[in-house]
């Protein structure tokens, strides 16, 4: 061996480093404990027991001479003493236009039936983060084709928004509508930890041929290992960064941030990290901003990553640790309401509980004023709904409530939108302003107080909205 090294050095050749082959000493759940290898976090190995086909694992932790490994894909069996061999897997992943219209996994392998991926370029999986002071500010709106979002919760290019929803309120439908109707150049859809049948349903029913033309779907269903689920989310974010760096407006639809956090929780607990908030280890809340901060505007080339991260709120509990953490690091949130969905209004966007923190800097003052007025009318009606339903409210007591009652049918029509009905930003604004047009009191004298004027809804000097009673 010494002669080999001396000969390489004399010839000016760097000698190859010897490969340390280890073995499996213990298995607990999906965690494999290996001895005899000395690898960094994230390194990959092949496990081979001599009988079954080998499977790939990733180093997720270590303790002295013990390395903790987790498989990238489910494995059937493994024996004590199985050989662990480090691989030469690079840090590069496929990217580029060749992936458009395809469904791939967290490693770039195709999941659809369209054959191998064509000629594509390879990019680093872990790039250097952008200095936040060098990013372009959010200054331009992005048309997502959904009326209620465009008009009352206008989204800017480079904004990060949370989509908070329980089960069965139309989350996937709304994502599909934005994918088909958006003006973004490229759409990246990450389906992380969802049911396997939802992947095909989303691709065929919600996207269709219209949406898949400029879309890349990165899927890691619930039956995949936590390492693969985590990797799929990071790969989707990396693809978004790649197209942003090419100067394209990219829309990232991440479904869901909760499943991504649960994958990190499984890995952290399996490697011995103590649980903290409701069973979530601290590393989960460190991972979330690392993922979210990768979206945003680029370095002045016109490219941007506008991201929607869905957050599952079990039992419609918005105080869930993941939901609470997400609200703090995102630039706004859209809440889907089960009550609104129960009324047959889709998409079931609750404009009262939702907010876009970037809207004030990307729309004219008149647009912002009208959006706030409609929100307050909607809120006033919701507050008085119980009294109105039992007949305990008398018309004329409060002009604002009278106005809210009179405009309720228009507000409901504004919130409703067909699944195949794209509504662009100018049309959305026009529908919003229609709600605030004066009511014809000749035909309906019962709503004589329902008129939008300076006495009922007035704008104070600071630019906010004030509701005042006569």
Protein backbone atom coordinates (compact mmCIF):
# COMPACT_ATOMS: atom_id res chain seq x y z
CA UNK A 1 0.00 0.00 0.00
CA UNK A 2 2.85 2.39 0.85
CA UNK A 3 4.50 1.66 -2.50
CA UNK A 4 1.22 2.47 -4.23
CA UNK A 5 1.00 5.91 -2.59
CA UNK A 6 4.67 6.69 -3.28
CA UNK A 7 4.30 5.70 -6.95
CA UNK A 8 1.21 7.91 -7.36
CA UNK A 9 2.94 10.88 -5.76
CA UNK A 10 6.04 10.44 -7.95
CA UNK A 11 3.83 10.39 -11.07
CA UNK A 12 1.93 13.52 -9.96
CA UNK A 13 -1.32 11.58 -9.51
CA UNK A 14 -3.52 11.98 -6.46
CA UNK A 15 -3.95 8.50 -4.96
CA UNK A 16 -7.49 7.17 -4.60
CA UNK A 17 -8.76 7.14 -1.06
CA UNK A 18 -9.50 3.69 0.30
CA UNK A 19 -13.20 2.91 0.64
CA UNK A 20 -14.26 1.95 4.16
CA UNK A 21 -16.81 -0.86 4.03
CA UNK A 22 -18.98 -1.16 7.12
CA UNK A 23 -21.73 -3.45 8.29
CA UNK A 24 -25.23 -3.24 9.75
CA UNK A 25 -25.15 -3.78 13.52
CA UNK A 26 -28.72 -2.88 14.49
CA UNK A 27 -32.08 -1.97 12.96
CA UNK A 28 -34.80 -0.04 14.82
CA UNK A 29 -37.82 0.78 12.69
CA UNK A 30 -36.51 2.44 9.54
CA UNK A 31 -33.22 3.42 11.18
CA UNK A 32 -30.18 1.29 10.43
CA UNK A 33 -27.11 1.51 12.68
CA UNK A 34 -23.86 0.90 10.83
CA UNK A 35 -20.29 0.52 12.04
CA UNK A 36 -17.05 0.80 10.14
CA UNK A 37 -17.89 3.81 7.95
CA UNK A 38 -16.91 7.42 8.49
CA UNK A 39 -19.12 9.59 6.29
CA UNK A 40 -20.64 13.05 6.51
CA UNK A 41 -24.33 13.78 6.92
CA UNK A 42 -26.20 13.37 3.66
CA UNK A 43 -23.74 10.87 2.20
CA UNK A 44 -25.21 7.80 0.50
CA UNK A 45 -24.39 4.12 0.83
CA UNK A 46 -25.52 0.81 -0.59
CA UNK A 47 -26.64 -1.93 1.79
CA UNK A 48 -26.20 -5.48 0.46
CA UNK A 49 -26.71 -8.68 2.48
CA UNK A 50 -25.67 -10.94 -0.38
CA UNK A 51 -29.17 -12.33 -1.04
CA UNK A 52 -31.59 -9.50 -1.64
CA UNK A 53 -30.97 -6.74 -4.14
CA UNK A 54 -29.06 -3.84 -2.60
CA UNK A 55 -30.89 -0.67 -1.56
CA UNK A 56 -29.68 2.88 -1.10
CA UNK A 57 -29.51 4.63 2.26
CA UNK A 58 -28.52 8.09 3.47
CA UNK A 59 -26.54 9.10 6.54
CA UNK A 60 -28.91 11.07 8.80
CA UNK A 61 -26.86 11.09 12.02
CA UNK A 62 -24.01 9.53 13.96
CA UNK A 63 -22.89 8.83 17.51
CA UNK A 64 -19.15 8.19 17.95
CA UNK A 65 -18.42 5.25 15.60
CA UNK A 66 -22.10 4.48 14.94
CA UNK A 67 -23.69 5.96 11.80
CA UNK A 68 -27.48 6.22 11.55
CA UNK A 69 -28.82 5.42 8.09
CA UNK A 70 -32.29 5.68 6.59
CA UNK A 71 -33.36 4.20 3.24
CA UNK A 72 -34.36 6.34 0.29
CA UNK A 73 -36.96 3.77 -0.70
CA UNK A 74 -38.81 1.04 1.24
CA UNK A 75 -36.83 -2.17 1.62
CA UNK A 76 -38.11 -5.71 2.20
CA UNK A 77 -35.46 -7.22 4.46
CA UNK A 78 -31.96 -6.85 5.81
CA UNK A 79 -29.74 -9.19 7.84
CA UNK A 80 -27.28 -8.50 10.68
CA UNK A 81 -23.84 -7.88 9.26
CA UNK A 82 -25.09 -6.73 5.86
CA UNK A 83 -22.35 -4.92 3.99
CA UNK A 84 -22.50 -1.09 3.78
CA UNK A 85 -20.54 0.42 0.90
CA UNK A 86 -20.25 4.19 0.32
CA UNK A 87 -21.33 5.29 -3.15
CA UNK A 88 -19.95 7.97 -5.42
CA UNK A 89 -23.32 9.70 -5.73
CA UNK A 90 -22.82 13.32 -6.74
CA UNK A 91 -24.63 16.39 -5.43
CA UNK A 92 -26.13 17.06 -8.88
CA UNK A 93 -29.77 16.63 -9.92
CA UNK A 94 -31.45 16.88 -13.35
CA UNK A 95 -33.13 20.16 -14.30
CA UNK A 96 -34.21 22.14 -17.34
CA UNK A 97 -37.02 22.24 -19.89
CA UNK A 98 -36.77 18.50 -20.52
CA UNK A 99 -38.62 17.96 -17.23
CA UNK A 100 -41.64 20.07 -18.23
CA UNK A 101 -44.78 17.98 -18.41
CA UNK A 102 -43.25 15.14 -16.41
CA UNK A 103 -43.93 13.56 -13.01
CA UNK A 104 -40.70 12.69 -11.19
CA UNK A 105 -39.60 11.57 -7.73
CA UNK A 106 -37.17 13.20 -5.32
CA UNK A 107 -34.14 11.96 -7.26
CA UNK A 108 -35.34 13.02 -10.72
CA UNK A 109 -36.47 9.56 -11.84
CA UNK A 110 -39.71 9.54 -13.89
CA UNK A 111 -42.89 8.23 -12.30
CA UNK A 112 -45.10 8.63 -15.37
CA UNK A 113 -45.29 6.37 -18.40
CA UNK A 114 -43.61 8.76 -20.84
CA UNK A 115 -40.27 6.97 -20.92
CA UNK A 116 -36.85 8.21 -19.84
CA UNK A 117 -36.13 11.88 -19.27
CA UNK A 118 -34.67 13.55 -22.35
CA UNK A 119 -31.47 15.52 -22.58
CA UNK A 120 -31.27 17.73 -19.51
CA UNK A 121 -28.71 19.68 -17.55
CA UNK A 122 -27.51 18.95 -14.04
CA UNK A 123 -27.38 21.43 -11.20
CA UNK A 124 -26.17 21.35 -7.61
CA UNK A 125 -28.75 20.11 -5.12
CA UNK A 126 -27.50 22.40 -2.34
CA UNK A 127 -26.69 25.85 -3.79
CA UNK A 128 -25.41 28.84 -1.88
CA UNK A 129 -28.27 30.94 -0.45
CA UNK A 130 -28.84 34.41 -1.87
CA UNK A 131 -27.92 37.40 0.25
CA UNK A 132 -31.31 38.84 1.29
CA UNK A 133 -30.07 42.40 0.70
CA UNK A 134 -29.39 41.55 -2.95
CA UNK A 135 -32.87 40.24 -3.73
CA UNK A 136 -35.22 42.41 -5.74
CA UNK A 137 -38.19 43.72 -3.70
CA UNK A 138 -41.72 42.49 -4.36
CA UNK A 139 -43.18 45.12 -6.66
CA UNK A 140 -45.24 43.39 -9.37
CA UNK A 141 -48.50 41.42 -8.95
CA UNK A 142 -48.81 37.86 -10.21
CA UNK A 143 -52.10 36.89 -11.83
CA UNK A 144 -53.12 33.46 -10.48
CA UNK A 145 -56.46 33.38 -12.33
CA UNK A 146 -58.60 33.09 -9.15
CA UNK A 147 -60.95 36.05 -8.62
CA UNK A 148 -61.06 36.15 -4.81
CA UNK A 149 -57.26 35.88 -4.56
CA UNK A 150 -56.49 38.32 -7.36
CA UNK A 151 -58.81 41.06 -6.10
CA UNK A 152 -58.88 40.86 -2.30
CA UNK A 153 -55.56 39.06 -1.60
CA UNK A 154 -53.36 40.17 -4.49
CA UNK A 155 -50.15 38.14 -4.63
CA UNK A 156 -46.83 39.65 -5.71
CA UNK A 157 -44.08 38.00 -7.74
CA UNK A 158 -41.69 36.50 -5.21
CA UNK A 159 -44.18 36.33 -2.35
CA UNK A 160 -44.46 33.28 -0.04
CA UNK A 161 -48.04 32.47 1.01
CA UNK A 162 -49.51 29.79 3.24
CA UNK A 163 -52.68 27.99 2.21
CA UNK A 164 -54.33 26.85 5.44
CA UNK A 165 -57.02 24.23 5.02
CA UNK A 166 -58.55 21.22 6.71
CA UNK A 167 -59.42 18.04 4.89
CA UNK A 168 -62.06 18.12 2.17
CA UNK A 169 -62.41 21.88 1.65
CA UNK A 170 -61.00 22.08 -1.89
CA UNK A 171 -57.28 22.62 -1.32
CA UNK A 172 -56.17 20.50 -4.29
CA UNK A 173 -58.84 22.03 -6.51
CA UNK A 174 -57.60 25.54 -5.78
CA UNK A 175 -54.00 24.51 -6.50
CA UNK A 176 -55.10 22.99 -9.80
CA UNK A 177 -56.94 26.19 -10.77
CA UNK A 178 -53.88 28.32 -10.08
CA UNK A 179 -51.68 25.93 -12.06
CA UNK A 180 -53.92 26.14 -15.14
CA UNK A 181 -54.82 29.83 -14.96
CA UNK A 182 -51.63 31.54 -13.74
CA UNK A 183 -49.54 33.83 -15.91
CA UNK A 184 -46.32 32.36 -14.49
CA UNK A 185 -43.85 30.97 -17.02
CA UNK A 186 -43.16 27.71 -15.15
CA UNK A 187 -45.09 25.88 -12.43
CA UNK A 188 -43.44 23.44 -10.00
CA UNK A 189 -45.83 21.24 -8.00
CA UNK A 190 -44.51 19.34 -4.98
CA UNK A 191 -46.79 16.55 -3.72
CA UNK A 192 -45.11 15.53 -0.48
CA UNK A 193 -46.58 12.91 1.81
CA UNK A 194 -50.05 12.84 0.29
CA UNK A 195 -52.00 9.71 -0.59
CA UNK A 196 -50.74 7.88 -3.65
CA UNK A 197 -54.04 8.01 -5.51
CA UNK A 198 -54.12 11.79 -5.09
CA UNK A 199 -51.02 12.13 -7.25
CA UNK A 200 -52.74 10.64 -10.31
CA UNK A 201 -56.01 12.44 -9.56
CA UNK A 202 -54.21 15.77 -9.28
CA UNK A 203 -52.27 15.25 -12.50
CA UNK A 204 -55.23 13.99 -14.57
CA UNK A 205 -58.20 15.87 -13.06
CA UNK A 206 -56.84 19.08 -11.57
CA UNK A 207 -53.99 19.76 -14.00
CA UNK A 208 -54.98 18.05 -17.23
CA UNK A 209 -53.17 18.60 -20.50
CA UNK A 210 -53.65 22.36 -20.18
CA UNK A 211 -51.81 22.60 -16.89
CA UNK A 212 -49.10 19.99 -17.51
CA UNK A 213 -47.61 21.81 -20.49
CA UNK A 214 -45.55 24.16 -18.33
CA UNK A 215 -45.53 22.13 -15.11
CA UNK A 216 -43.13 19.78 -13.35
CA UNK A 217 -44.64 17.54 -10.66
CA UNK A 218 -42.30 16.22 -7.97
CA UNK A 219 -44.13 13.49 -6.04
CA UNK A 220 -43.29 11.50 -2.92
CA UNK A 221 -46.47 9.82 -1.63
CA UNK A 222 -47.11 8.87 1.99
CA UNK A 223 -45.73 5.34 1.53
CA UNK A 224 -42.30 6.68 0.60
CA UNK A 225 -39.60 6.86 3.26
CA UNK A 226 -39.20 10.13 5.21
CA UNK A 227 -35.84 10.71 3.53
CA UNK A 228 -37.44 10.60 0.09
CA UNK A 229 -40.34 12.83 1.19
CA UNK A 230 -37.91 15.37 2.56
CA UNK A 231 -35.76 15.18 -0.55
CA UNK A 232 -38.77 15.65 -2.87
CA UNK A 233 -39.66 18.91 -1.15
CA UNK A 234 -36.12 20.23 -1.38
CA UNK A 235 -35.83 19.10 -5.02
CA UNK A 236 -38.99 21.02 -5.96
CA UNK A 237 -37.58 24.13 -4.30
CA UNK A 238 -34.29 23.63 -6.17
CA UNK A 239 -36.03 23.36 -9.53
CA UNK A 240 -37.89 26.59 -8.77
CA UNK A 241 -34.61 28.34 -8.02
CA UNK A 242 -33.14 27.07 -11.29
CA UNK A 243 -35.90 28.52 -13.45
CA UNK A 244 -35.85 31.74 -11.42
CA UNK A 245 -32.14 32.11 -12.12
CA UNK A 246 -32.97 31.83 -15.83
CA UNK A 247 -35.17 34.93 -15.50
CA UNK A 248 -38.53 33.15 -15.49
CA UNK A 249 -41.51 33.83 -13.25
CA UNK A 250 -41.92 30.54 -11.41
CA UNK A 251 -44.89 29.43 -9.34
CA UNK A 252 -44.15 26.82 -6.65
CA UNK A 253 -47.16 24.95 -5.26
CA UNK A 254 -46.00 22.94 -2.24
CA UNK A 255 -48.47 20.36 -0.92
CA UNK A 256 -47.95 20.07 1.92
CA UNK A 257 -45.66 21.86 4.36
CA UNK A 258 -47.17 19.84 7.20
CA UNK A 259 -46.18 16.50 5.65
CA UNK A 260 -42.70 17.88 5.02
CA UNK A 261 -42.42 18.77 8.71
CA UNK A 262 -43.70 15.34 9.69
CA UNK A 263 -41.01 13.68 7.56
CA UNK A 264 -38.34 15.67 9.36
CA UNK A 265 -39.96 14.74 12.68
CA UNK A 266 -39.74 11.03 11.83
CA UNK A 267 -36.04 11.34 11.00
CA UNK A 268 -35.21 13.45 14.05
CA UNK A 269 -37.03 11.20 16.52
CA UNK A 270 -35.50 8.08 14.98
CA UNK A 271 -31.99 9.47 15.49
CA UNK A 272 -32.60 10.33 19.12
CA UNK A 273 -33.57 14.02 19.05
CA UNK A 274 -35.91 14.81 21.96
CA UNK A 275 -39.45 15.97 21.17
CA UNK A 276 -40.45 19.51 22.08
CA UNK A 277 -43.69 21.21 20.99
CA UNK A 278 -46.46 18.60 20.62
CA UNK A 279 -43.95 15.95 19.66
CA UNK A 280 -42.10 18.06 17.10
CA UNK A 281 -38.30 18.22 17.71
CA UNK A 282 -36.56 21.60 17.41
CA UNK A 283 -34.96 20.67 14.08
CA UNK A 284 -38.39 20.73 12.44
CA UNK A 285 -38.79 24.44 13.13
CA UNK A 286 -35.26 25.04 11.83
CA UNK A 287 -36.02 23.18 8.58
CA UNK A 288 -39.15 25.16 7.71
CA UNK A 289 -37.53 28.60 7.26
CA UNK A 290 -34.61 26.99 5.41
CA UNK A 291 -37.11 25.69 2.85
CA UNK A 292 -39.35 28.75 2.69
CA UNK A 293 -36.51 31.28 2.37
CA UNK A 294 -35.39 29.64 -0.87
CA UNK A 295 -38.39 31.17 -2.62
CA UNK A 296 -38.52 34.85 -3.54
CA UNK A 297 -37.15 37.19 -6.18
CA UNK A 298 -33.81 36.82 -7.87
CA UNK A 299 -30.87 39.16 -8.37
CA UNK A 300 -32.41 41.60 -10.81
CA UNK A 301 -32.85 39.42 -13.90
CA UNK A 302 -36.66 39.44 -13.68
CA UNK A 303 -36.89 35.92 -12.30
CA UNK A 304 -38.95 35.10 -9.24
CA UNK A 305 -40.33 32.19 -7.23
CA UNK A 306 -43.85 32.81 -5.96
CA UNK A 307 -44.70 30.02 -3.55
CA UNK A 308 -47.90 28.65 -2.04
CA UNK A 309 -47.34 26.24 0.85
CA UNK A 310 -50.37 24.28 1.98
CA UNK A 311 -50.66 23.73 5.72
CA UNK A 312 -53.02 21.06 7.04
CA UNK A 313 -54.95 22.24 10.08
CA UNK A 314 -56.41 19.12 11.69
CA UNK A 315 -59.78 19.89 13.22
CA UNK A 316 -59.45 23.39 11.68
CA UNK A 317 -57.04 24.25 14.52
CA UNK A 318 -54.94 27.20 13.35
CA UNK A 319 -52.82 27.00 16.54
CA UNK A 320 -51.12 23.79 15.39
CA UNK A 321 -47.32 24.17 15.86
CA UNK A 322 -46.55 23.88 12.15
CA UNK A 323 -49.36 26.28 11.22
CA UNK A 324 -48.29 28.78 13.86
CA UNK A 325 -44.66 28.61 12.77
CA UNK A 326 -45.58 28.93 9.09
CA UNK A 327 -47.63 32.09 9.65
CA UNK A 328 -44.61 33.74 11.25
CA UNK A 329 -42.24 33.12 8.32
CA UNK A 330 -44.62 33.59 5.36
CA UNK A 331 -45.72 36.78 3.61
CA UNK A 332 -49.40 36.12 4.09
CA UNK A 333 -51.91 33.32 4.42
CA UNK A 334 -55.08 32.18 2.67
CA UNK A 335 -57.59 30.32 4.82
CA UNK A 336 -60.10 27.91 3.29
CA UNK A 337 -63.25 27.70 5.38
CA UNK A 338 -65.30 24.57 5.91
CA UNK A 339 -68.42 26.71 6.52
CA UNK A 340 -68.01 28.48 3.17
CA UNK A 341 -67.48 25.16 1.40
CA UNK A 342 -70.65 23.90 3.11
CA UNK A 343 -72.56 26.73 1.41
CA UNK A 344 -71.42 25.45 -1.98
CA UNK A 345 -69.05 28.38 -2.56
CA UNK A 346 -65.79 27.31 -4.23
CA UNK A 347 -62.98 28.08 -3.89
CA UNK A 348 -63.87 28.39 -0.21
CA UNK A 349 -61.55 31.35 0.51
CA UNK A 350 -62.30 33.12 3.79
CA UNK A 351 -61.30 36.69 2.90
CA UNK A 352 -61.98 37.77 6.49
CA UNK A 353 -59.33 35.45 7.97
CA UNK A 354 -56.85 35.75 5.06
CA UNK A 355 -54.25 38.41 4.39
CA UNK A 356 -51.58 39.29 1.84
CA UNK A 357 -48.78 41.23 3.52
CA UNK A 358 -47.35 42.41 0.20
CA UNK A 359 -50.60 43.66 -1.31
CA UNK A 360 -50.20 47.25 -0.10
CA UNK A 361 -46.96 47.67 -2.04
CA UNK A 362 -48.08 46.20 -5.37
CA UNK A 363 -51.60 47.56 -6.02
CA UNK A 364 -52.93 51.13 -6.36
CA UNK A 365 -54.46 52.81 -3.32
CA UNK A 366 -57.94 52.61 -4.86
CA UNK A 367 -57.66 48.83 -5.22
CA UNK A 368 -56.48 48.40 -1.64
CA UNK A 369 -59.28 50.67 -0.39
CA UNK A 370 -61.96 48.70 -2.24
CA UNK A 371 -60.59 45.35 -1.03
CA UNK A 372 -60.65 46.49 2.60
CA UNK A 373 -64.19 47.84 2.24
CA UNK A 374 -65.48 44.55 0.85
CA UNK A 375 -63.68 42.64 3.62
CA UNK A 376 -65.33 44.78 6.26
CA UNK A 377 -68.77 44.38 4.73
CA UNK A 378 -68.23 40.63 4.65
CA UNK A 379 -67.04 40.68 8.28
CA UNK A 380 -70.03 42.75 9.43
CA UNK A 381 -72.46 40.30 7.84
CA UNK A 382 -70.69 37.33 9.44
CA UNK A 383 -70.89 39.01 12.84
CA UNK A 384 -74.64 39.64 12.48
CA UNK A 385 -75.54 36.43 10.67
CA UNK A 386 -77.04 34.71 13.71
CA UNK A 387 -79.27 37.69 14.51
CA UNK A 388 -80.36 37.96 10.88
CA UNK A 389 -81.15 34.25 10.57
CA UNK A 390 -83.53 34.27 13.55
CA UNK A 391 -85.15 37.55 12.56
CA UNK A 392 -83.79 39.46 15.57
CA UNK A 393 -82.24 42.21 13.45
CA UNK A 394 -84.39 45.15 12.35
CA UNK A 395 -83.49 47.04 9.20
CA UNK A 396 -82.42 50.62 9.79
CA UNK A 397 -80.69 50.11 13.15
CA UNK A 398 -77.19 50.05 11.66
CA UNK A 399 -76.53 51.40 8.13
CA UNK A 400 -73.36 49.32 7.77
CA UNK A 401 -75.18 46.09 8.60
CA UNK A 402 -77.95 47.09 6.19
CA UNK A 403 -75.34 47.64 3.52
CA UNK A 404 -73.66 44.31 4.30
CA UNK A 405 -77.02 42.50 3.99
CA UNK A 406 -77.79 44.20 0.70
CA UNK A 407 -74.40 43.33 -0.79
CA UNK A 408 -74.21 39.76 0.49
CA UNK A 409 -75.50 38.16 -2.77
CA UNK A 410 -72.91 40.14 -4.75
CA UNK A 411 -70.13 39.15 -2.35
CA UNK A 412 -71.08 35.48 -2.64
CA UNK A 413 -71.07 35.75 -6.44
CA UNK A 414 -67.67 37.43 -6.23
CA UNK A 415 -66.25 34.58 -4.13
CA UNK A 416 -67.68 31.82 -6.35
CA UNK A 417 -65.81 30.67 -9.44
CA UNK A 418 -66.16 27.73 -11.79
CA UNK A 419 -63.39 25.14 -11.92
CA UNK A 420 -62.80 25.85 -15.61
CA UNK A 421 -63.40 29.61 -15.43
CA UNK A 422 -60.18 31.65 -15.44
CA UNK A 423 -60.62 35.21 -14.18
CA UNK A 424 -57.67 37.51 -14.77
CA UNK A 425 -56.56 40.36 -12.54
CA UNK A 426 -58.38 43.26 -14.34
CA UNK A 427 -61.66 41.31 -14.41
CA UNK A 428 -61.25 40.38 -10.75
CA UNK A 429 -60.80 44.03 -9.82
CA UNK A 430 -63.84 44.99 -11.88
CA UNK A 431 -65.97 42.44 -10.01
CA UNK A 432 -64.67 43.77 -6.71
CA UNK A 433 -65.60 47.36 -7.57
CA UNK A 434 -69.05 46.25 -8.71
CA UNK A 435 -69.86 45.23 -5.15
CA UNK A 436 -69.32 48.82 -3.99
CA UNK A 437 -71.48 50.49 -6.63
CA UNK A 438 -74.51 52.36 -5.20
CA UNK A 439 -77.72 50.33 -4.84
CA UNK A 440 -80.75 51.43 -6.81
CA UNK A 441 -83.09 52.40 -3.96
CA UNK A 442 -86.07 53.06 -6.24
CA UNK A 443 -86.71 49.38 -6.90
CA UNK A 444 -86.01 48.29 -3.32
CA UNK A 445 -86.81 50.93 -0.68
CA UNK A 446 -85.99 48.44 2.12
CA UNK A 447 -82.33 49.02 1.49
CA UNK A 448 -82.45 52.82 1.38
CA UNK A 449 -79.54 52.95 3.82
CA UNK A 450 -77.45 50.62 1.67
CA UNK A 451 -75.42 53.18 -0.22
CA UNK A 452 -71.65 53.44 -0.33
CA UNK A 453 -70.78 57.06 0.45
CA UNK A 454 -68.49 59.06 2.69
CA UNK A 455 -70.91 58.90 5.61
CA UNK A 456 -71.07 55.11 5.74
CA UNK A 457 -67.64 53.93 4.61
CA UNK A 458 -64.94 56.54 4.78
CA UNK A 459 -61.20 56.43 4.28
CA UNK A 460 -59.22 58.18 7.03
CA UNK A 461 -56.11 60.20 6.22
CA UNK A 462 -53.71 57.42 7.18
CA UNK A 463 -54.88 55.30 4.27
CA UNK A 464 -56.86 52.80 6.33
CA UNK A 465 -60.58 52.17 6.32
CA UNK A 466 -63.04 53.37 8.93
CA UNK A 467 -66.64 52.30 9.26
CA UNK A 468 -68.75 55.00 10.86
CA UNK A 469 -72.45 55.10 11.80
CA UNK A 470 -74.61 58.01 10.91
